[in-house]
N, C-alpha and C. Protein backbone atom coordinates (compact mmCIF):
# COMPACT_ATOMS: atom_id res chain seq x y z
N MET A 1 -11.30 98.53 -163.33
CA MET A 1 -10.31 98.58 -162.25
C MET A 1 -11.03 98.61 -160.92
N THR A 2 -10.63 97.75 -160.03
CA THR A 2 -11.18 97.75 -158.69
C THR A 2 -10.48 98.83 -157.88
N SER A 3 -11.23 99.47 -157.04
CA SER A 3 -10.69 100.54 -156.20
C SER A 3 -9.49 100.05 -155.39
N PRO A 4 -8.40 100.84 -155.34
CA PRO A 4 -7.27 100.47 -154.49
C PRO A 4 -7.69 100.28 -153.02
N PHE A 5 -8.65 101.07 -152.56
CA PHE A 5 -9.12 100.93 -151.17
C PHE A 5 -9.75 99.56 -150.96
N VAL A 6 -10.57 99.14 -151.91
CA VAL A 6 -11.21 97.83 -151.81
C VAL A 6 -10.16 96.73 -151.83
N ARG A 7 -9.14 96.89 -152.68
CA ARG A 7 -8.06 95.90 -152.72
C ARG A 7 -7.27 95.88 -151.42
N ARG A 8 -7.06 97.05 -150.80
CA ARG A 8 -6.36 97.08 -149.51
C ARG A 8 -7.16 96.32 -148.45
N ARG A 9 -8.47 96.47 -148.48
CA ARG A 9 -9.32 95.74 -147.54
C ARG A 9 -9.21 94.23 -147.77
N ARG A 10 -9.22 93.83 -149.03
CA ARG A 10 -9.11 92.41 -149.36
C ARG A 10 -7.74 91.87 -148.92
N LEU A 11 -6.69 92.63 -149.22
CA LEU A 11 -5.34 92.23 -148.82
C LEU A 11 -5.24 92.10 -147.30
N ALA A 12 -5.80 93.06 -146.59
CA ALA A 12 -5.77 93.04 -145.13
C ALA A 12 -6.40 91.77 -144.58
N THR A 13 -7.54 91.41 -145.13
CA THR A 13 -8.24 90.20 -144.70
C THR A 13 -7.39 88.96 -144.98
N GLU A 14 -6.81 88.90 -146.17
CA GLU A 14 -5.97 87.75 -146.53
C GLU A 14 -4.77 87.62 -145.58
N LEU A 15 -4.08 88.73 -145.34
CA LEU A 15 -2.88 88.68 -144.49
C LEU A 15 -3.21 88.28 -143.06
N ARG A 16 -4.25 88.87 -142.50
CA ARG A 16 -4.61 88.54 -141.12
C ARG A 16 -5.03 87.08 -141.02
N THR A 17 -5.83 86.61 -141.97
CA THR A 17 -6.28 85.22 -141.95
C THR A 17 -5.10 84.26 -142.03
N LEU A 18 -4.16 84.53 -142.94
CA LEU A 18 -2.98 83.67 -143.07
C LEU A 18 -2.16 83.65 -141.78
N ARG A 19 -1.95 84.83 -141.21
CA ARG A 19 -1.15 84.91 -139.98
C ARG A 19 -1.82 84.13 -138.86
N GLU A 20 -3.12 84.32 -138.70
CA GLU A 20 -3.85 83.63 -137.64
C GLU A 20 -3.87 82.11 -137.87
N GLN A 21 -4.01 81.69 -139.12
CA GLN A 21 -3.98 80.26 -139.43
C GLN A 21 -2.64 79.62 -139.05
N ARG A 22 -1.56 80.40 -139.14
CA ARG A 22 -0.23 79.90 -138.79
C ARG A 22 0.04 80.00 -137.30
N GLY A 23 -0.92 80.56 -136.55
CA GLY A 23 -0.75 80.68 -135.10
C GLY A 23 0.28 81.71 -134.70
N MET A 24 0.49 82.71 -135.51
CA MET A 24 1.51 83.72 -135.25
C MET A 24 0.83 85.02 -134.79
N THR A 25 1.41 85.68 -133.83
CA THR A 25 0.89 86.97 -133.40
C THR A 25 1.42 88.07 -134.33
N ALA A 26 0.77 89.20 -134.28
CA ALA A 26 1.21 90.34 -135.08
C ALA A 26 2.60 90.81 -134.63
N ASP A 27 2.86 90.73 -133.33
CA ASP A 27 4.18 91.10 -132.82
C ASP A 27 5.27 90.19 -133.38
N GLU A 28 5.00 88.88 -133.40
CA GLU A 28 5.97 87.92 -133.93
C GLU A 28 6.24 88.18 -135.41
N LEU A 29 5.16 88.43 -136.16
CA LEU A 29 5.33 88.70 -137.59
C LEU A 29 6.14 89.98 -137.80
N ALA A 30 5.84 91.00 -137.02
CA ALA A 30 6.56 92.27 -137.14
C ALA A 30 8.06 92.06 -136.90
N GLN A 31 8.41 91.29 -135.90
CA GLN A 31 9.82 91.02 -135.61
C GLN A 31 10.48 90.27 -136.77
N ARG A 32 9.75 89.32 -137.34
CA ARG A 32 10.33 88.50 -138.41
C ARG A 32 10.55 89.28 -139.71
N ILE A 33 9.76 90.35 -139.92
CA ILE A 33 9.97 91.15 -141.15
C ILE A 33 10.74 92.43 -140.84
N TYR A 34 11.19 92.55 -139.60
CA TYR A 34 11.98 93.72 -139.16
C TYR A 34 11.21 95.02 -139.34
N ARG A 35 9.96 94.98 -138.95
CA ARG A 35 9.10 96.16 -138.97
C ARG A 35 8.42 96.30 -137.62
N SER A 36 7.77 97.41 -137.42
CA SER A 36 7.07 97.63 -136.15
C SER A 36 5.73 96.91 -136.15
N ARG A 37 5.23 96.71 -134.96
CA ARG A 37 3.88 96.13 -134.80
C ARG A 37 2.86 97.03 -135.47
N MET A 38 3.10 98.33 -135.43
CA MET A 38 2.20 99.31 -136.05
C MET A 38 2.09 99.08 -137.56
N THR A 39 3.21 98.75 -138.20
CA THR A 39 3.20 98.49 -139.65
C THR A 39 2.31 97.30 -139.97
N VAL A 40 2.44 96.23 -139.21
CA VAL A 40 1.62 95.05 -139.42
C VAL A 40 0.15 95.39 -139.18
N SER A 41 -0.11 96.14 -138.12
CA SER A 41 -1.48 96.55 -137.81
C SER A 41 -2.09 97.37 -138.95
N LYS A 42 -1.33 98.32 -139.47
CA LYS A 42 -1.82 99.15 -140.58
C LYS A 42 -2.13 98.30 -141.80
N LEU A 43 -1.26 97.33 -142.10
CA LEU A 43 -1.51 96.44 -143.24
C LEU A 43 -2.76 95.60 -143.02
N GLU A 44 -2.91 95.06 -141.82
CA GLU A 44 -4.04 94.18 -141.53
C GLU A 44 -5.34 94.92 -141.31
N ASN A 45 -5.29 96.23 -141.24
CA ASN A 45 -6.50 97.04 -141.09
C ASN A 45 -6.72 97.96 -142.29
N ALA A 46 -5.95 97.75 -143.35
CA ALA A 46 -6.09 98.51 -144.60
C ALA A 46 -5.94 100.01 -144.38
N ARG A 47 -5.02 100.39 -143.50
CA ARG A 47 -4.82 101.81 -143.18
C ARG A 47 -3.68 102.46 -143.95
N CYS A 48 -3.03 101.70 -144.84
CA CYS A 48 -1.92 102.25 -145.61
C CYS A 48 -1.77 101.50 -146.92
N ARG A 49 -1.08 102.12 -147.84
CA ARG A 49 -0.73 101.41 -149.07
C ARG A 49 0.35 100.40 -148.72
N PRO A 50 0.23 99.21 -149.24
CA PRO A 50 1.23 98.19 -148.90
C PRO A 50 2.55 98.42 -149.61
N ASP A 51 3.63 98.09 -148.92
CA ASP A 51 4.95 98.04 -149.52
C ASP A 51 5.09 96.63 -150.06
N ILE A 52 5.28 96.51 -151.36
CA ILE A 52 5.31 95.19 -152.00
C ILE A 52 6.40 94.31 -151.41
N GLY A 53 7.54 94.89 -151.09
CA GLY A 53 8.62 94.12 -150.47
C GLY A 53 8.19 93.52 -149.14
N ASP A 54 7.47 94.30 -148.32
CA ASP A 54 6.97 93.78 -147.05
C ASP A 54 5.98 92.64 -147.27
N ILE A 55 5.13 92.79 -148.27
CA ILE A 55 4.13 91.75 -148.55
C ILE A 55 4.82 90.45 -148.96
N VAL A 56 5.84 90.55 -149.80
CA VAL A 56 6.58 89.35 -150.22
C VAL A 56 7.23 88.69 -149.01
N LYS A 57 7.86 89.50 -148.12
CA LYS A 57 8.48 88.93 -146.91
C LYS A 57 7.45 88.22 -146.05
N ILE A 58 6.30 88.87 -145.87
CA ILE A 58 5.24 88.28 -145.04
C ILE A 58 4.79 86.95 -145.63
N MET A 59 4.58 86.92 -146.93
CA MET A 59 4.11 85.67 -147.55
C MET A 59 5.15 84.56 -147.43
N LYS A 60 6.42 84.91 -147.57
CA LYS A 60 7.46 83.90 -147.43
C LYS A 60 7.51 83.36 -146.00
N ILE A 61 7.43 84.25 -145.03
CA ILE A 61 7.45 83.84 -143.62
C ILE A 61 6.24 82.97 -143.29
N LEU A 62 5.09 83.30 -143.90
CA LEU A 62 3.88 82.53 -143.63
C LEU A 62 3.77 81.28 -144.51
N GLY A 63 4.76 81.06 -145.36
CA GLY A 63 4.78 79.85 -146.17
C GLY A 63 3.80 79.84 -147.33
N VAL A 64 3.47 81.00 -147.84
CA VAL A 64 2.54 81.10 -148.97
C VAL A 64 3.33 80.83 -150.25
N THR A 65 2.82 79.92 -151.06
CA THR A 65 3.49 79.57 -152.32
C THR A 65 2.48 79.40 -153.44
N GLY A 66 3.00 79.20 -154.63
CA GLY A 66 2.19 78.84 -155.78
C GLY A 66 1.14 79.86 -156.17
N GLU A 67 -0.03 79.34 -156.50
CA GLU A 67 -1.12 80.18 -156.98
C GLU A 67 -1.59 81.16 -155.91
N LYS A 68 -1.61 80.73 -154.67
CA LYS A 68 -2.02 81.62 -153.56
C LYS A 68 -1.06 82.81 -153.47
N PHE A 69 0.24 82.55 -153.60
CA PHE A 69 1.24 83.62 -153.59
C PHE A 69 0.95 84.60 -154.73
N ASP A 70 0.73 84.06 -155.93
CA ASP A 70 0.47 84.91 -157.10
C ASP A 70 -0.79 85.75 -156.92
N ASP A 71 -1.85 85.14 -156.37
CA ASP A 71 -3.11 85.86 -156.16
C ASP A 71 -2.94 87.01 -155.18
N ILE A 72 -2.27 86.74 -154.06
CA ILE A 72 -2.08 87.80 -153.05
C ILE A 72 -1.14 88.87 -153.58
N PHE A 73 -0.11 88.46 -154.32
CA PHE A 73 0.82 89.43 -154.91
C PHE A 73 0.07 90.38 -155.85
N LYS A 74 -0.85 89.85 -156.65
CA LYS A 74 -1.65 90.68 -157.58
C LYS A 74 -2.53 91.65 -156.80
N ILE A 75 -3.17 91.15 -155.74
CA ILE A 75 -4.00 92.03 -154.91
C ILE A 75 -3.14 93.14 -154.30
N ALA A 76 -1.95 92.79 -153.82
CA ALA A 76 -1.06 93.78 -153.21
C ALA A 76 -0.64 94.83 -154.23
N CYS A 77 -0.32 94.41 -155.44
CA CYS A 77 0.07 95.38 -156.48
C CYS A 77 -1.07 96.33 -156.79
N ASP A 78 -2.29 95.78 -156.90
CA ASP A 78 -3.46 96.63 -157.15
C ASP A 78 -3.72 97.56 -155.97
N ALA A 79 -3.51 97.06 -154.76
CA ALA A 79 -3.74 97.86 -153.56
C ALA A 79 -2.73 98.99 -153.43
N ALA A 80 -1.55 98.80 -154.01
CA ALA A 80 -0.50 99.82 -153.93
C ALA A 80 -0.66 100.91 -154.99
N ASP A 81 -1.55 100.68 -155.95
CA ASP A 81 -1.76 101.68 -157.01
C ASP A 81 -2.20 103.01 -156.44
N ARG A 82 -1.80 104.04 -157.12
CA ARG A 82 -2.26 105.38 -156.78
C ARG A 82 -3.33 105.77 -157.77
N GLY A 83 -4.30 106.52 -157.31
CA GLY A 83 -5.37 106.99 -158.18
C GLY A 83 -5.13 108.43 -158.60
N TRP A 84 -5.93 108.89 -159.54
CA TRP A 84 -5.79 110.27 -160.02
C TRP A 84 -5.93 111.27 -158.87
N TRP A 85 -6.73 110.93 -157.84
CA TRP A 85 -6.99 111.83 -156.72
C TRP A 85 -5.75 112.07 -155.86
N ASP A 86 -4.79 111.16 -155.91
CA ASP A 86 -3.58 111.33 -155.11
C ASP A 86 -2.75 112.53 -155.57
N ALA A 87 -2.89 112.90 -156.83
CA ALA A 87 -2.16 114.05 -157.36
C ALA A 87 -2.62 115.35 -156.72
N TYR A 88 -3.80 115.35 -156.10
CA TYR A 88 -4.34 116.57 -155.50
C TYR A 88 -3.97 116.72 -154.03
N GLY A 89 -3.38 115.69 -153.43
CA GLY A 89 -2.94 115.79 -152.04
C GLY A 89 -4.05 116.25 -151.12
N ASP A 90 -3.75 117.27 -150.31
CA ASP A 90 -4.72 117.77 -149.34
C ASP A 90 -5.77 118.69 -149.94
N ALA A 91 -5.69 118.94 -151.25
CA ALA A 91 -6.70 119.80 -151.88
C ALA A 91 -8.08 119.15 -151.80
N MET A 92 -8.10 117.82 -151.78
CA MET A 92 -9.35 117.09 -151.57
C MET A 92 -9.35 116.63 -150.12
N GLY A 93 -10.43 116.83 -149.46
CA GLY A 93 -10.53 116.34 -148.09
C GLY A 93 -10.53 114.81 -148.07
N PRO A 94 -10.33 114.23 -146.90
CA PRO A 94 -10.27 112.77 -146.82
C PRO A 94 -11.55 112.09 -147.31
N ARG A 95 -12.68 112.70 -147.05
CA ARG A 95 -13.95 112.09 -147.50
C ARG A 95 -14.06 112.12 -149.02
N GLN A 96 -13.69 113.25 -149.64
CA GLN A 96 -13.73 113.34 -151.10
C GLN A 96 -12.76 112.35 -151.74
N ARG A 97 -11.56 112.19 -151.14
CA ARG A 97 -10.59 111.21 -151.65
C ARG A 97 -11.14 109.79 -151.55
N MET A 98 -11.79 109.49 -150.43
CA MET A 98 -12.35 108.15 -150.24
C MET A 98 -13.45 107.89 -151.28
N TYR A 99 -14.31 108.88 -151.49
CA TYR A 99 -15.37 108.71 -152.50
C TYR A 99 -14.75 108.49 -153.88
N ALA A 100 -13.77 109.29 -154.23
CA ALA A 100 -13.12 109.15 -155.54
C ALA A 100 -12.50 107.76 -155.69
N ASP A 101 -11.88 107.29 -154.63
CA ASP A 101 -11.25 105.97 -154.64
C ASP A 101 -12.31 104.89 -154.87
N LEU A 102 -13.38 104.93 -154.10
CA LEU A 102 -14.44 103.92 -154.24
C LEU A 102 -15.14 104.03 -155.60
N GLU A 103 -15.37 105.25 -156.07
CA GLU A 103 -16.02 105.44 -157.36
C GLU A 103 -15.18 104.91 -158.51
N SER A 104 -13.85 104.91 -158.33
CA SER A 104 -12.96 104.47 -159.41
C SER A 104 -13.20 103.02 -159.80
N GLY A 105 -13.70 102.22 -158.89
CA GLY A 105 -13.94 100.82 -159.20
C GLY A 105 -15.41 100.44 -159.19
N ALA A 106 -16.27 101.43 -159.06
CA ALA A 106 -17.70 101.14 -158.95
C ALA A 106 -18.34 100.92 -160.32
N SER A 107 -19.33 100.05 -160.35
CA SER A 107 -20.12 99.89 -161.57
C SER A 107 -21.38 100.76 -161.47
N SER A 108 -21.77 101.09 -160.24
CA SER A 108 -22.90 102.00 -160.04
C SER A 108 -22.70 102.76 -158.73
N ILE A 109 -23.31 103.92 -158.69
CA ILE A 109 -23.26 104.77 -157.50
C ILE A 109 -24.69 105.09 -157.12
N HIS A 110 -25.06 104.76 -155.89
CA HIS A 110 -26.39 105.04 -155.39
C HIS A 110 -26.28 106.00 -154.22
N GLY A 111 -27.21 106.94 -154.14
CA GLY A 111 -27.17 107.86 -153.03
C GLY A 111 -28.52 108.52 -152.82
N TYR A 112 -28.76 108.89 -151.60
CA TYR A 112 -29.97 109.63 -151.25
C TYR A 112 -29.52 110.86 -150.48
N TYR A 113 -29.88 112.01 -150.97
CA TYR A 113 -29.44 113.26 -150.36
C TYR A 113 -30.66 114.15 -150.17
N GLN A 114 -31.19 114.16 -148.97
CA GLN A 114 -32.39 114.93 -148.70
C GLN A 114 -32.13 116.43 -148.66
N ILE A 115 -30.98 116.83 -148.09
CA ILE A 115 -30.75 118.27 -147.92
C ILE A 115 -29.39 118.73 -148.44
N ALA A 116 -28.72 117.90 -149.23
CA ALA A 116 -27.40 118.28 -149.73
C ALA A 116 -27.31 117.96 -151.22
N ILE A 117 -26.41 118.63 -151.89
CA ILE A 117 -26.13 118.33 -153.29
C ILE A 117 -24.87 117.48 -153.32
N PRO A 118 -24.97 116.26 -153.87
CA PRO A 118 -23.79 115.40 -153.89
C PRO A 118 -22.62 116.06 -154.61
N GLY A 119 -21.41 115.79 -154.13
CA GLY A 119 -20.20 116.40 -154.68
C GLY A 119 -20.07 116.22 -156.19
N ILE A 120 -20.45 115.05 -156.71
CA ILE A 120 -20.26 114.84 -158.15
C ILE A 120 -21.32 115.55 -159.00
N LEU A 121 -22.28 116.22 -158.35
CA LEU A 121 -23.28 116.99 -159.10
C LEU A 121 -23.17 118.49 -158.86
N GLN A 122 -22.20 118.91 -158.05
CA GLN A 122 -22.05 120.33 -157.74
C GLN A 122 -21.44 121.08 -158.92
N THR A 123 -22.02 122.21 -159.23
CA THR A 123 -21.49 123.05 -160.31
C THR A 123 -20.30 123.86 -159.79
N PRO A 124 -19.47 124.36 -160.71
CA PRO A 124 -18.35 125.20 -160.26
C PRO A 124 -18.81 126.40 -159.43
N ASP A 125 -19.90 127.05 -159.82
CA ASP A 125 -20.40 128.19 -159.04
C ASP A 125 -20.78 127.77 -157.62
N PHE A 126 -21.40 126.61 -157.49
CA PHE A 126 -21.78 126.11 -156.17
C PHE A 126 -20.54 125.81 -155.33
N ILE A 127 -19.54 125.19 -155.95
CA ILE A 127 -18.30 124.86 -155.23
C ILE A 127 -17.63 126.14 -154.75
N TRP A 128 -17.59 127.17 -155.61
CA TRP A 128 -16.98 128.44 -155.20
C TRP A 128 -17.78 129.10 -154.08
N ALA A 129 -19.10 128.91 -154.08
CA ALA A 129 -19.91 129.44 -152.98
C ALA A 129 -19.54 128.74 -151.66
N LEU A 130 -19.26 127.45 -151.73
CA LEU A 130 -18.81 126.73 -150.53
C LEU A 130 -17.46 127.27 -150.04
N VAL A 131 -16.59 127.59 -150.98
CA VAL A 131 -15.29 128.17 -150.62
C VAL A 131 -15.51 129.51 -149.90
N LYS A 132 -16.42 130.30 -150.43
CA LYS A 132 -16.73 131.60 -149.82
C LYS A 132 -17.23 131.41 -148.38
N LEU A 133 -18.07 130.41 -148.17
CA LEU A 133 -18.55 130.12 -146.81
C LEU A 133 -17.39 129.70 -145.89
N ASP A 134 -16.50 128.88 -146.43
CA ASP A 134 -15.33 128.46 -145.65
C ASP A 134 -14.46 129.66 -145.27
N ARG A 135 -14.30 130.58 -146.21
CA ARG A 135 -13.47 131.78 -145.95
C ARG A 135 -14.05 132.61 -144.81
N ALA A 136 -15.38 132.62 -144.69
CA ALA A 136 -16.03 133.39 -143.63
C ALA A 136 -15.67 132.85 -142.25
N ASP A 137 -15.27 131.57 -142.19
CA ASP A 137 -14.89 130.96 -140.91
C ASP A 137 -13.43 131.21 -140.55
N GLY A 138 -12.67 131.79 -141.47
CA GLY A 138 -11.26 132.05 -141.18
C GLY A 138 -10.36 131.57 -142.31
N PRO A 139 -9.06 131.52 -142.03
CA PRO A 139 -8.11 131.10 -143.07
C PRO A 139 -8.42 129.69 -143.56
N LEU A 140 -8.24 129.51 -144.85
CA LEU A 140 -8.52 128.21 -145.46
C LEU A 140 -7.33 127.26 -145.30
N PRO A 141 -7.60 126.01 -144.93
CA PRO A 141 -6.52 125.03 -144.79
C PRO A 141 -6.18 124.34 -146.12
N TYR A 142 -6.73 124.85 -147.20
CA TYR A 142 -6.51 124.27 -148.53
C TYR A 142 -6.43 125.38 -149.56
N GLN A 143 -5.96 125.03 -150.75
CA GLN A 143 -5.91 125.98 -151.85
C GLN A 143 -7.21 125.87 -152.64
N PRO A 144 -8.04 126.91 -152.63
CA PRO A 144 -9.36 126.82 -153.26
C PRO A 144 -9.32 126.38 -154.73
N GLU A 145 -8.38 126.89 -155.49
CA GLU A 145 -8.31 126.55 -156.92
C GLU A 145 -8.06 125.05 -157.11
N ARG A 146 -7.16 124.50 -156.30
CA ARG A 146 -6.86 123.07 -156.39
C ARG A 146 -8.05 122.23 -155.95
N MET A 147 -8.75 122.68 -154.91
CA MET A 147 -9.91 121.95 -154.41
C MET A 147 -11.01 121.92 -155.48
N VAL A 148 -11.27 123.06 -156.11
CA VAL A 148 -12.28 123.11 -157.16
C VAL A 148 -11.87 122.21 -158.33
N GLN A 149 -10.62 122.31 -158.71
CA GLN A 149 -10.10 121.47 -159.79
C GLN A 149 -10.26 119.98 -159.45
N ALA A 150 -9.97 119.61 -158.23
CA ALA A 150 -10.09 118.20 -157.80
C ALA A 150 -11.54 117.74 -157.86
N ARG A 151 -12.46 118.57 -157.40
CA ARG A 151 -13.88 118.19 -157.42
C ARG A 151 -14.39 118.05 -158.85
N LEU A 152 -13.95 118.94 -159.72
CA LEU A 152 -14.37 118.85 -161.12
C LEU A 152 -13.77 117.61 -161.78
N GLN A 153 -12.55 117.26 -161.42
CA GLN A 153 -11.93 116.03 -161.93
C GLN A 153 -12.72 114.80 -161.45
N ARG A 154 -13.14 114.84 -160.20
CA ARG A 154 -13.94 113.73 -159.66
C ARG A 154 -15.24 113.58 -160.44
N GLN A 155 -15.89 114.70 -160.74
CA GLN A 155 -17.12 114.66 -161.53
C GLN A 155 -16.86 114.06 -162.90
N GLU A 156 -15.80 114.53 -163.53
CA GLU A 156 -15.46 114.05 -164.87
C GLU A 156 -15.24 112.54 -164.88
N MET A 157 -14.55 112.04 -163.87
CA MET A 157 -14.25 110.61 -163.81
C MET A 157 -15.50 109.79 -163.48
N ALA A 158 -16.31 110.27 -162.55
CA ALA A 158 -17.49 109.51 -162.14
C ALA A 158 -18.61 109.57 -163.18
N LEU A 159 -18.69 110.68 -163.92
CA LEU A 159 -19.78 110.86 -164.87
C LEU A 159 -19.38 110.62 -166.32
N ARG A 160 -18.20 110.04 -166.54
CA ARG A 160 -17.73 109.77 -167.90
C ARG A 160 -18.66 108.73 -168.56
N PRO A 161 -18.72 108.71 -169.89
CA PRO A 161 -19.64 107.79 -170.58
C PRO A 161 -19.46 106.32 -170.20
N ASP A 162 -18.23 105.87 -169.97
CA ASP A 162 -18.02 104.46 -169.60
C ASP A 162 -17.89 104.30 -168.08
N GLY A 163 -18.27 105.31 -167.33
CA GLY A 163 -18.16 105.27 -165.88
C GLY A 163 -19.33 104.56 -165.23
N PRO A 164 -19.39 104.64 -163.92
CA PRO A 164 -20.47 103.96 -163.19
C PRO A 164 -21.83 104.59 -163.49
N ILE A 165 -22.86 103.79 -163.37
CA ILE A 165 -24.23 104.30 -163.51
C ILE A 165 -24.57 105.00 -162.20
N CYS A 166 -25.04 106.24 -162.30
CA CYS A 166 -25.32 107.01 -161.10
C CYS A 166 -26.83 107.10 -160.84
N HIS A 167 -27.19 106.76 -159.63
CA HIS A 167 -28.57 106.89 -159.16
C HIS A 167 -28.53 107.82 -157.94
N LEU A 168 -28.59 109.12 -158.20
CA LEU A 168 -28.46 110.08 -157.10
C LEU A 168 -29.73 110.89 -156.96
């Protein structure tokens, strides 16, 4: 499975290229699909999960048909997928969610960490020590149990036998 984030990037490139090839501005496209300019911008910059209905409208307006329509529709469906990390909401920070998303479609993970322990190698005791440090700074903006559970789930997914090869 390719990462939904990677698919959103691919979809964004396809949509922007098609729109520009047709000589249409983002504002014009937004008006034609009855959405805001911001919605088109988010789609073309891979900043949101695509609404499949919007993607179909965009492709029809841009005159996309046949195999090209099918290819972009498949990319959009993959880009709209939710990953296991979405079930944790804010328990995982945005960086941890991004890593989990990218790792979900990776064949290998490479990293160099001179002074840090990568998240997918942190033990539960180490993670709880990080929580303790966070508590010293004041109230926590997350639920520690959910955050630890999310990090351990990320480890399990990234280090599974059929998962990516890790070079950390």
